[in-house]
PDB file of N, CA and C in Angstrom:
ATOM      1  N   MET A   1    -207.477 125.001  52.648  1.00  0.00           N
ATOM      2  CA  MET A   1    -206.884 125.066  51.334  1.00  0.00           C
ATOM      3  C   MET A   1    -207.992 125.409  50.351  1.00  0.00           C
ATOM      4  N   GLN A   2    -207.645 126.139  49.311  1.00  0.00           N
ATOM      5  CA  GLN A   2    -208.630 126.492  48.302  1.00  0.00           C
ATOM      6  C   GLN A   2    -208.378 125.730  47.019  1.00  0.00           C
ATOM      7  N   ALA A   3    -209.441 125.596  46.234  1.00  0.00           N
ATOM      8  CA  ALA A   3    -209.383 124.892  44.959  1.00  0.00           C
ATOM      9  C   ALA A   3    -210.412 125.513  44.026  1.00  0.00           C
ATOM     10  N   THR A   4    -210.396 125.066  42.772  1.00  0.00           N
ATOM     11  CA  THR A   4    -211.348 125.527  41.766  1.00  0.00           C
ATOM     12  C   THR A   4    -212.168 124.338  41.298  1.00  0.00           C
ATOM     13  N   VAL A   5    -213.486 124.501  41.246  1.00  0.00           N
ATOM     14  CA  VAL A   5    -214.357 123.414  40.816  1.00  0.00           C
ATOM     15  C   VAL A   5    -214.052 123.056  39.369  1.00  0.00           C
ATOM     16  N   ARG A   6    -213.771 121.795  39.132  1.00  0.00           N
ATOM     17  CA  ARG A   6    -213.521 121.270  37.782  1.00  0.00           C
ATOM     18  C   ARG A   6    -214.825 120.801  37.168  1.00  0.00           C
ATOM     19  N   GLY A   7    -215.620 120.078  37.949  1.00  0.00           N
ATOM     20  CA  GLY A   7    -216.896 119.565  37.484  1.00  0.00           C
ATOM     21  C   GLY A   7    -217.743 119.149  38.665  1.00  0.00           C
ATOM     22  N   PHE A   8    -219.059 119.141  38.462  1.00  0.00           N
ATOM     23  CA  PHE A   8    -219.975 118.757  39.529  1.00  0.00           C
ATOM     24  C   PHE A   8    -221.220 118.143  38.909  1.00  0.00           C
ATOM     25  N   ASP A   9    -221.665 117.009  39.461  1.00  0.00           N
ATOM     26  CA  ASP A   9    -222.882 116.343  39.020  1.00  0.00           C
ATOM     27  C   ASP A   9    -223.938 116.521  40.106  1.00  0.00           C
ATOM     28  N   PRO A  10    -224.932 117.395  39.889  1.00  0.00           N
ATOM     29  CA  PRO A  10    -225.937 117.621  40.928  1.00  0.00           C
ATOM     30  C   PRO A  10    -226.789 116.389  41.230  1.00  0.00           C
ATOM     31  N   ALA A  11    -226.905 115.471  40.288  1.00  0.00           N
ATOM     32  CA  ALA A  11    -227.700 114.260  40.521  1.00  0.00           C
ATOM     33  C   ALA A  11    -227.051 113.346  41.560  1.00  0.00           C
ATOM     34  N   THR A  12    -225.717 113.290  41.567  1.00  0.00           N
ATOM     35  CA  THR A  12    -225.017 112.414  42.511  1.00  0.00           C
ATOM     36  C   THR A  12    -224.409 113.172  43.684  1.00  0.00           C
ATOM     37  N   GLY A  13    -224.206 114.492  43.526  1.00  0.00           N
ATOM     38  CA  GLY A  13    -223.565 115.277  44.581  1.00  0.00           C
ATOM     39  C   GLY A  13    -222.069 115.097  44.628  1.00  0.00           C
ATOM     40  N   SER A  14    -221.488 114.548  43.570  1.00  0.00           N
ATOM     41  CA  SER A  14    -220.039 114.344  43.539  1.00  0.00           C
ATOM     42  C   SER A  14    -219.427 115.182  42.427  1.00  0.00           C
ATOM     43  N   GLY A  15    -218.120 115.352  42.510  1.00  0.00           N
ATOM     44  CA  GLY A  15    -217.435 116.133  41.491  1.00  0.00           C
ATOM     45  C   GLY A  15    -215.944 116.103  41.702  1.00  0.00           C
ATOM     46  N   SER A  16    -215.277 117.089  41.131  1.00  0.00           N
ATOM     47  CA  SER A  16    -213.826 117.179  41.269  1.00  0.00           C
ATOM     48  C   SER A  16    -213.412 118.641  41.261  1.00  0.00           C
ATOM     49  N   VAL A  17    -212.224 118.882  41.815  1.00  0.00           N
ATOM     50  CA  VAL A  17    -211.658 120.219  41.880  1.00  0.00           C
ATOM     51  C   VAL A  17    -210.217 120.182  41.392  1.00  0.00           C
ATOM     52  N   PHE A  18    -209.745 121.334  40.952  1.00  0.00           N
ATOM     53  CA  PHE A  18    -208.331 121.529  40.649  1.00  0.00           C
ATOM     54  C   PHE A  18    -207.698 122.195  41.858  1.00  0.00           C
ATOM     55  N   LEU A  19    -206.634 121.595  42.398  1.00  0.00           N
ATOM     56  CA  LEU A  19    -205.836 122.291  43.397  1.00  0.00           C
ATOM     57  C   LEU A  19    -205.036 123.374  42.676  1.00  0.00           C
ATOM     58  N   ASP A  20    -204.452 124.292  43.398  1.00  0.00           N
ATOM     59  CA  ASP A  20    -203.719 125.386  42.770  1.00  0.00           C
ATOM     60  C   ASP A  20    -202.511 124.924  41.976  1.00  0.00           C
ATOM     61  N   ASP A  21    -202.013 123.713  42.242  1.00  0.00           N
ATOM     62  CA  ASP A  21    -200.888 123.188  41.467  1.00  0.00           C
ATOM     63  C   ASP A  21    -201.347 122.402  40.239  1.00  0.00           C
ATOM     64  N   GLY A  22    -202.675 122.364  39.993  1.00  0.00           N
ATOM     65  CA  GLY A  22    -203.222 121.673  38.829  1.00  0.00           C
ATOM     66  C   GLY A  22    -203.649 120.250  39.089  1.00  0.00           C
ATOM     67  N   THR A  23    -203.386 119.725  40.270  1.00  0.00           N
ATOM     68  CA  THR A  23    -203.785 118.369  40.626  1.00  0.00           C
ATOM     69  C   THR A  23    -205.310 118.285  40.688  1.00  0.00           C
ATOM     70  N   VAL A  24    -205.876 117.224  40.118  1.00  0.00           N
ATOM     71  CA  VAL A  24    -207.315 117.000  40.178  1.00  0.00           C
ATOM     72  C   VAL A  24    -207.619 116.090  41.359  1.00  0.00           C
ATOM     73  N   VAL A  25    -208.573 116.513  42.193  1.00  0.00           N
ATOM     74  CA  VAL A  25    -208.981 115.736  43.357  1.00  0.00           C
ATOM     75  C   VAL A  25    -210.504 115.610  43.314  1.00  0.00           C
ATOM     76  N   GLY A  26    -210.988 114.389  43.456  1.00  0.00           N
ATOM     77  CA  GLY A  26    -212.426 114.155  43.451  1.00  0.00           C
ATOM     78  C   GLY A  26    -213.022 114.265  44.844  1.00  0.00           C
ATOM     79  N   PHE A  27    -214.338 114.478  44.891  1.00  0.00           N
ATOM     80  CA  PHE A  27    -215.060 114.461  46.157  1.00  0.00           C
ATOM     81  C   PHE A  27    -216.387 113.748  45.949  1.00  0.00           C
ATOM     82  N   GLY A  28    -216.851 113.115  47.004  1.00  0.00           N
ATOM     83  CA  GLY A  28    -218.088 112.356  46.943  1.00  0.00           C
ATOM     84  C   GLY A  28    -219.268 113.112  47.521  1.00  0.00           C
ATOM     85  N   PRO A  29    -220.434 112.490  47.487  1.00  0.00           N
ATOM     86  CA  PRO A  29    -221.650 113.147  47.964  1.00  0.00           C
ATOM     87  C   PRO A  29    -221.619 113.502  49.449  1.00  0.00           C
ATOM     88  N   ALA A  30    -220.887 112.753  50.272  1.00  0.00           N
ATOM     89  CA  ALA A  30    -220.826 113.069  51.703  1.00  0.00           C
ATOM     90  C   ALA A  30    -220.145 114.417  51.917  1.00  0.00           C
ATOM     91  N   ALA A  31    -219.062 114.695  51.196  1.00  0.00           N
ATOM     92  CA  ALA A  31    -218.371 115.985  51.327  1.00  0.00           C
ATOM     93  C   ALA A  31    -219.280 117.110  50.863  1.00  0.00           C
ATOM     94  N   PHE A  32    -219.996 116.897  49.765  1.00  0.00           N
ATOM     95  CA  PHE A  32    -220.901 117.941  49.276  1.00  0.00           C
ATOM     96  C   PHE A  32    -222.059 118.150  50.246  1.00  0.00           C
ATOM     97  N   ALA A  33    -222.591 117.082  50.805  1.00  0.00           N
ATOM     98  CA  ALA A  33    -223.711 117.194  51.740  1.00  0.00           C
ATOM     99  C   ALA A  33    -223.322 118.029  52.961  1.00  0.00           C
ATOM    100  N   ARG A  34    -222.089 117.902  53.421  1.00  0.00           N
ATOM    101  CA  ARG A  34    -221.614 118.687  54.568  1.00  0.00           C
ATOM    102  C   ARG A  34    -221.529 120.171  54.245  1.00  0.00           C
ATOM    103  N   SER A  35    -221.454 120.522  52.959  1.00  0.00           N
ATOM    104  CA  SER A  35    -221.247 121.909  52.565  1.00  0.00           C
ATOM    105  C   SER A  35    -222.450 122.798  52.844  1.00  0.00           C
ATOM    106  N   GLY A  36    -223.648 122.229  52.812  1.00  0.00           N
ATOM    107  CA  GLY A  36    -224.852 123.035  52.947  1.00  0.00           C
ATOM    108  C   GLY A  36    -225.198 123.784  51.674  1.00  0.00           C
ATOM    109  N   LEU A  37    -224.439 123.557  50.609  1.00  0.00           N
ATOM    110  CA  LEU A  37    -224.687 124.218  49.331  1.00  0.00           C
ATOM    111  C   LEU A  37    -225.699 123.426  48.511  1.00  0.00           C
ATOM    112  N   ARG A  38    -226.279 124.074  47.528  1.00  0.00           N
ATOM    113  CA  ARG A  38    -227.239 123.396  46.650  1.00  0.00           C
ATOM    114  C   ARG A  38    -226.651 123.074  45.287  1.00  0.00           C
ATOM    115  N   LEU A  39    -225.581 123.774  44.897  1.00  0.00           N
ATOM    116  CA  LEU A  39    -225.020 123.612  43.563  1.00  0.00           C
ATOM    117  C   LEU A  39    -223.604 124.165  43.537  1.00  0.00           C
ATOM    118  N   LEU A  40    -222.777 123.611  42.676  1.00  0.00           N
ATOM    119  CA  LEU A  40    -221.451 124.144  42.385  1.00  0.00           C
ATOM    120  C   LEU A  40    -221.341 124.313  40.882  1.00  0.00           C
ATOM    121  N   ARG A  41    -220.578 125.280  40.447  1.00  0.00           N
ATOM    122  CA  ARG A  41    -220.382 125.480  39.009  1.00  0.00           C
ATOM    123  C   ARG A  41    -218.893 125.433  38.678  1.00  0.00           C
ATOM    124  N   PRO A  42    -218.537 124.925  37.502  1.00  0.00           N
ATOM    125  CA  PRO A  42    -217.127 124.899  37.107  1.00  0.00           C
ATOM    126  C   PRO A  42    -216.524 126.300  37.163  1.00  0.00           C
ATOM    127  N   GLY A  43    -215.306 126.382  37.678  1.00  0.00           N
ATOM    128  CA  GLY A  43    -214.601 127.642  37.806  1.00  0.00           C
ATOM    129  C   GLY A  43    -214.801 128.323  39.142  1.00  0.00           C
ATOM    130  N   GLN A  44    -215.746 127.840  39.937  1.00  0.00           N
ATOM    131  CA  GLN A  44    -216.027 128.436  41.238  1.00  0.00           C
ATOM    132  C   GLN A  44    -214.920 128.104  42.226  1.00  0.00           C
ATOM    133  N   ARG A  45    -214.505 129.080  43.039  1.00  0.00           N
ATOM    134  CA  ARG A  45    -213.484 128.852  44.059  1.00  0.00           C
ATOM    135  C   ARG A  45    -214.153 128.298  45.306  1.00  0.00           C
ATOM    136  N   VAL A  46    -213.547 127.262  45.864  1.00  0.00           N
ATOM    137  CA  VAL A  46    -214.063 126.629  47.063  1.00  0.00           C
ATOM    138  C   VAL A  46    -212.928 126.411  48.048  1.00  0.00           C
ATOM    139  N   ALA A  47    -213.289 126.296  49.300  1.00  0.00           N
ATOM    140  CA  ALA A  47    -212.352 125.873  50.349  1.00  0.00           C
ATOM    141  C   ALA A  47    -212.605 124.394  50.561  1.00  0.00           C
ATOM    142  N   ILE A  48    -211.548 123.606  50.685  1.00  0.00           N
ATOM    143  CA  ILE A  48    -211.705 122.169  50.904  1.00  0.00           C
ATOM    144  C   ILE A  48    -210.985 121.761  52.175  1.00  0.00           C
ATOM    145  N   GLY A  49    -211.510 120.742  52.804  1.00  0.00           N
ATOM    146  CA  GLY A  49    -210.866 120.124  53.946  1.00  0.00           C
ATOM    147  C   GLY A  49    -210.652 118.663  53.629  1.00  0.00           C
ATOM    148  N   CYS A  50    -209.519 118.134  54.030  1.00  0.00           N
ATOM    149  CA  CYS A  50    -209.152 116.756  53.695  1.00  0.00           C
ATOM    150  C   CYS A  50    -208.879 115.948  54.957  1.00  0.00           C
ATOM    151  N   ASP A  51    -209.061 114.627  54.831  1.00  0.00           N
ATOM    152  CA  ASP A  51    -208.702 113.733  55.928  1.00  0.00           C
ATOM    153  C   ASP A  51    -207.192 113.471  55.860  1.00  0.00           C
ATOM    154  N   PRO A  52    -206.629 112.743  56.793  1.00  0.00           N
ATOM    155  CA  PRO A  52    -205.175 112.507  56.791  1.00  0.00           C
ATOM    156  C   PRO A  52    -204.660 111.813  55.524  1.00  0.00           C
ATOM    157  N   ASP A  53    -205.534 111.103  54.809  1.00  0.00           N
ATOM    158  CA  ASP A  53    -205.113 110.434  53.575  1.00  0.00           C
ATOM    159  C   ASP A  53    -205.220 111.331  52.352  1.00  0.00           C
ATOM    160  N   GLY A  54    -205.714 112.564  52.528  1.00  0.00           N
ATOM    161  CA  GLY A  54    -205.827 113.494  51.414  1.00  0.00           C
ATOM    162  C   GLY A  54    -207.168 113.491  50.715  1.00  0.00           C
ATOM    163  N   ALA A  55    -208.118 112.679  51.176  1.00  0.00           N
ATOM    164  CA  ALA A  55    -209.448 112.648  50.564  1.00  0.00           C
ATOM    165  C   ALA A  55    -210.245 113.870  51.016  1.00  0.00           C
ATOM    166  N   VAL A  56    -210.973 114.486  50.083  1.00  0.00           N
ATOM    167  CA  VAL A  56    -211.798 115.642  50.412  1.00  0.00           C
ATOM    168  C   VAL A  56    -212.986 115.172  51.244  1.00  0.00           C
ATOM    169  N   VAL A  57    -213.120 115.742  52.436  1.00  0.00           N
ATOM    170  CA  VAL A  57    -214.224 115.374  53.323  1.00  0.00           C
ATOM    171  C   VAL A  57    -215.162 116.537  53.573  1.00  0.00           C
ATOM    172  N   ALA A  58    -214.778 117.736  53.149  1.00  0.00           N
ATOM    173  CA  ALA A  58    -215.632 118.907  53.318  1.00  0.00           C
ATOM    174  C   ALA A  58    -215.254 119.948  52.279  1.00  0.00           C
ATOM    175  N   LEU A  59    -216.241 120.694  51.843  1.00  0.00           N
ATOM    176  CA  LEU A  59    -215.977 121.824  50.973  1.00  0.00           C
ATOM    177  C   LEU A  59    -217.081 122.848  51.154  1.00  0.00           C
ATOM    178  N   THR A  60    -216.777 124.076  50.824  1.00  0.00           N
ATOM    179  CA  THR A  60    -217.744 125.156  50.869  1.00  0.00           C
ATOM    180  C   THR A  60    -217.207 126.288  50.010  1.00  0.00           C
ATOM    181  N   LEU A  61    -217.966 127.346  49.877  1.00  0.00           N
ATOM    182  CA  LEU A  61    -217.483 128.494  49.129  1.00  0.00           C
ATOM    183  C   LEU A  61    -216.228 129.032  49.798  1.00  0.00           C
ATOM    184  N   ALA A  62    -215.314 129.560  49.006  1.00  0.00           N
ATOM    185  CA  ALA A  62    -214.027 130.006  49.527  1.00  0.00           C
ATOM    186  C   ALA A  62    -214.167 131.070  50.599  1.00  0.00           C
ATOM    187  N   THR A  63    -215.260 131.817  50.588  1.00  0.00           N
ATOM    188  CA  THR A  63    -215.445 132.886  51.567  1.00  0.00           C
ATOM    189  C   THR A  63    -216.152 132.425  52.830  1.00  0.00           C
ATOM    190  N   PHE A  64    -216.575 131.160  52.893  1.00  0.00           N
ATOM    191  CA  PHE A  64    -217.264 130.609  54.059  1.00  0.00           C
ATOM    192  C   PHE A  64    -216.307 129.753  54.871  1.00  0.00           C
ATOM    193  N   PRO A  65    -216.540 129.616  56.184  1.00  0.00           N
ATOM    194  CA  PRO A  65    -215.711 128.690  56.970  1.00  0.00           C
ATOM    195  C   PRO A  65    -216.083 127.248  56.652  1.00  0.00           C
ATOM    196  N   LEU A  66    -215.107 126.364  56.717  1.00  0.00           N
ATOM    197  CA  LEU A  66    -215.369 124.939  56.506  1.00  0.00           C
ATOM    198  C   LEU A  66    -216.225 124.395  57.635  1.00  0.00           C
ATOM    199  N   PRO A  67    -217.102 123.428  57.336  1.00  0.00           N
ATOM    200  CA  PRO A  67    -217.860 122.800  58.418  1.00  0.00           C
ATOM    201  C   PRO A  67    -216.905 122.056  59.343  1.00  0.00           C
ATOM    202  N   GLY A  68    -217.290 121.867  60.572  1.00  0.00           N
ATOM    203  CA  GLY A  68    -216.444 121.155  61.530  1.00  0.00           C
ATOM    204  C   GLY A  68    -216.826 121.499  62.945  1.00  0.00           C
ATOM    205  N   GLY A  69    -218.111 121.692  63.157  1.00  0.00           N
ATOM    206  CA  GLY A  69    -218.591 122.036  64.486  1.00  0.00           C
ATOM    207  C   GLY A  69    -218.558 120.844  65.416  1.00  0.00           C
ATOM    208  N   ALA A  70    -219.165 121.005  66.548  1.00  0.00           N
ATOM    209  CA  ALA A  70    -219.201 119.947  67.565  1.00  0.00           C
ATOM    210  C   ALA A  70    -219.790 118.675  66.993  1.00  0.00           C
ATOM    211  N   GLY A  71    -219.156 117.566  67.295  1.00  0.00           N
ATOM    212  CA  GLY A  71    -219.652 116.268  66.863  1.00  0.00           C
ATOM    213  C   GLY A  71    -219.250 115.874  65.460  1.00  0.00           C
ATOM    214  N   GLN A  72    -218.526 116.743  64.747  1.00  0.00           N
ATOM    215  CA  GLN A  72    -218.079 116.416  63.406  1.00  0.00           C
ATOM    216  C   GLN A  72    -216.564 116.255  63.417  1.00  0.00           C
ATOM    217  N   PRO A  73    -216.044 115.342  62.595  1.00  0.00           N
ATOM    218  CA  PRO A  73    -214.588 115.157  62.580  1.00  0.00           C
ATOM    219  C   PRO A  73    -213.892 116.392  62.032  1.00  0.00           C
ATOM    220  N   PRO A  74    -212.698 116.701  62.537  1.00  0.00           N
ATOM    221  CA  PRO A  74    -211.966 117.852  62.032  1.00  0.00           C
ATOM    222  C   PRO A  74    -211.485 117.605  60.610  1.00  0.00           C
ATOM    223  N   VAL A  75    -211.302 118.669  59.878  1.00  0.00           N
ATOM    224  CA  VAL A  75    -210.759 118.581  58.529  1.00  0.00           C
ATOM    225  C   VAL A  75    -209.442 119.327  58.509  1.00  0.00           C
ATOM    226  N   SER A  76    -208.596 118.979  57.568  1.00  0.00           N
ATOM    227  CA  SER A  76    -207.268 119.569  57.538  1.00  0.00           C
ATOM    228  C   SER A  76    -206.808 119.767  56.112  1.00  0.00           C
ATOM    229  N   GLN A  77    -205.579 120.234  55.975  1.00  0.00           N
ATOM    230  CA  GLN A  77    -204.937 120.385  54.676  1.00  0.00           C
ATOM    231  C   GLN A  77    -204.549 119.014  54.134  1.00  0.00           C
ATOM    232  N   PRO A  78    -204.434 118.854  52.821  1.00  0.00           N
ATOM    233  CA  PRO A  78    -203.909 117.600  52.290  1.00  0.00           C
ATOM    234  C   PRO A  78    -202.491 117.362  52.797  1.00  0.00           C
ATOM    235  N   PRO A  79    -202.042 116.101  52.845  1.00  0.00           N
ATOM    236  CA  PRO A  79    -200.680 115.813  53.302  1.00  0.00           C
ATOM    237  C   PRO A  79    -199.654 116.599  52.492  1.00  0.00           C
ATOM    238  N   GLY A  80    -198.683 117.149  53.178  1.00  0.00           N
ATOM    239  CA  GLY A  80    -197.615 117.883  52.502  1.00  0.00           C
ATOM    240  C   GLY A  80    -197.930 119.356  52.283  1.00  0.00           C
ATOM    241  N   ALA A  81    -199.182 119.773  52.471  1.00  0.00           N
ATOM    242  CA  ALA A  81    -199.531 121.173  52.282  1.00  0.00           C
ATOM    243  C   ALA A  81    -199.324 121.910  53.590  1.00  0.00           C
ATOM    244  N   SER A  82    -198.876 123.133  53.490  1.00  0.00           N
ATOM    245  CA  SER A  82    -198.732 123.943  54.693  1.00  0.00           C
ATOM    246  C   SER A  82    -199.603 125.179  54.547  1.00  0.00           C
ATOM    247  N   PRO A  83    -200.195 125.648  55.626  1.00  0.00           N
ATOM    248  CA  PRO A  83    -201.067 126.811  55.550  1.00  0.00           C
ATOM    249  C   PRO A  83    -200.323 128.007  54.959  1.00  0.00           C
ATOM    250  N   GLY A  84    -200.962 128.673  54.022  1.00  0.00           N
ATOM    251  CA  GLY A  84    -200.377 129.858  53.421  1.00  0.00           C
ATOM    252  C   GLY A  84    -199.362 129.568  52.331  1.00  0.00           C
ATOM    253  N   ALA A  85    -199.010 128.311  52.142  1.00  0.00           N
ATOM    254  CA  ALA A  85    -198.019 127.971  51.114  1.00  0.00           C
ATOM    255  C   ALA A  85    -198.699 127.904  49.759  1.00  0.00           C
ATOM    256  N   HIS A  86    -198.009 128.323  48.740  1.00  0.00           N
ATOM    257  CA  HIS A  86    -198.534 128.261  47.382  1.00  0.00           C
ATOM    258  C   HIS A  86    -197.684 127.285  46.580  1.00  0.00           C
ATOM    259  N   ALA A  87    -198.359 126.400  45.882  1.00  0.00           N
ATOM    260  CA  ALA A  87    -197.643 125.438  45.045  1.00  0.00           C
ATOM    261  C   ALA A  87    -197.070 126.145  43.835  1.00  0.00           C
ATOM    262  N   ARG A  88    -195.906 125.738  43.429  1.00  0.00           N
ATOM    263  CA  ARG A  88    -195.283 126.285  42.233  1.00  0.00           C
ATOM    264  C   ARG A  88    -195.054 125.161  41.240  1.00  0.00           C
ATOM    265  N   SER A  89    -195.241 125.482  39.988  1.00  0.00           N
ATOM    266  CA  SER A  89    -194.961 124.477  38.967  1.00  0.00           C
ATOM    267  C   SER A  89    -194.072 125.105  37.913  1.00  0.00           C
ATOM    268  N   GLY A  90    -193.419 124.253  37.159  1.00  0.00           N
ATOM    269  CA  GLY A  90    -192.624 124.789  36.065  1.00  0.00           C
ATOM    270  C   GLY A  90    -191.264 124.407  36.132  1.00  0.00           C
TER     271      GLY A  90
END
């Protein structure tokens, strides 16, 4: 699933993103550490992976594959999201 960076604190490695439906979802330093990135900027498009409860556990640039190699837990879409589906509001 993709999202847009809402804010990022480089000192803590945590921040938040806007999902395409406008929902704000936060992420902690562990998710950022898995990304291999050094910085995120507001407005940047990212790919996110979530655990079964919907918490962001991985993120990276939208054009990069999500982390999840051998020995790492798999990441998935948030609950209720389906691949390729676009949220509609209004």
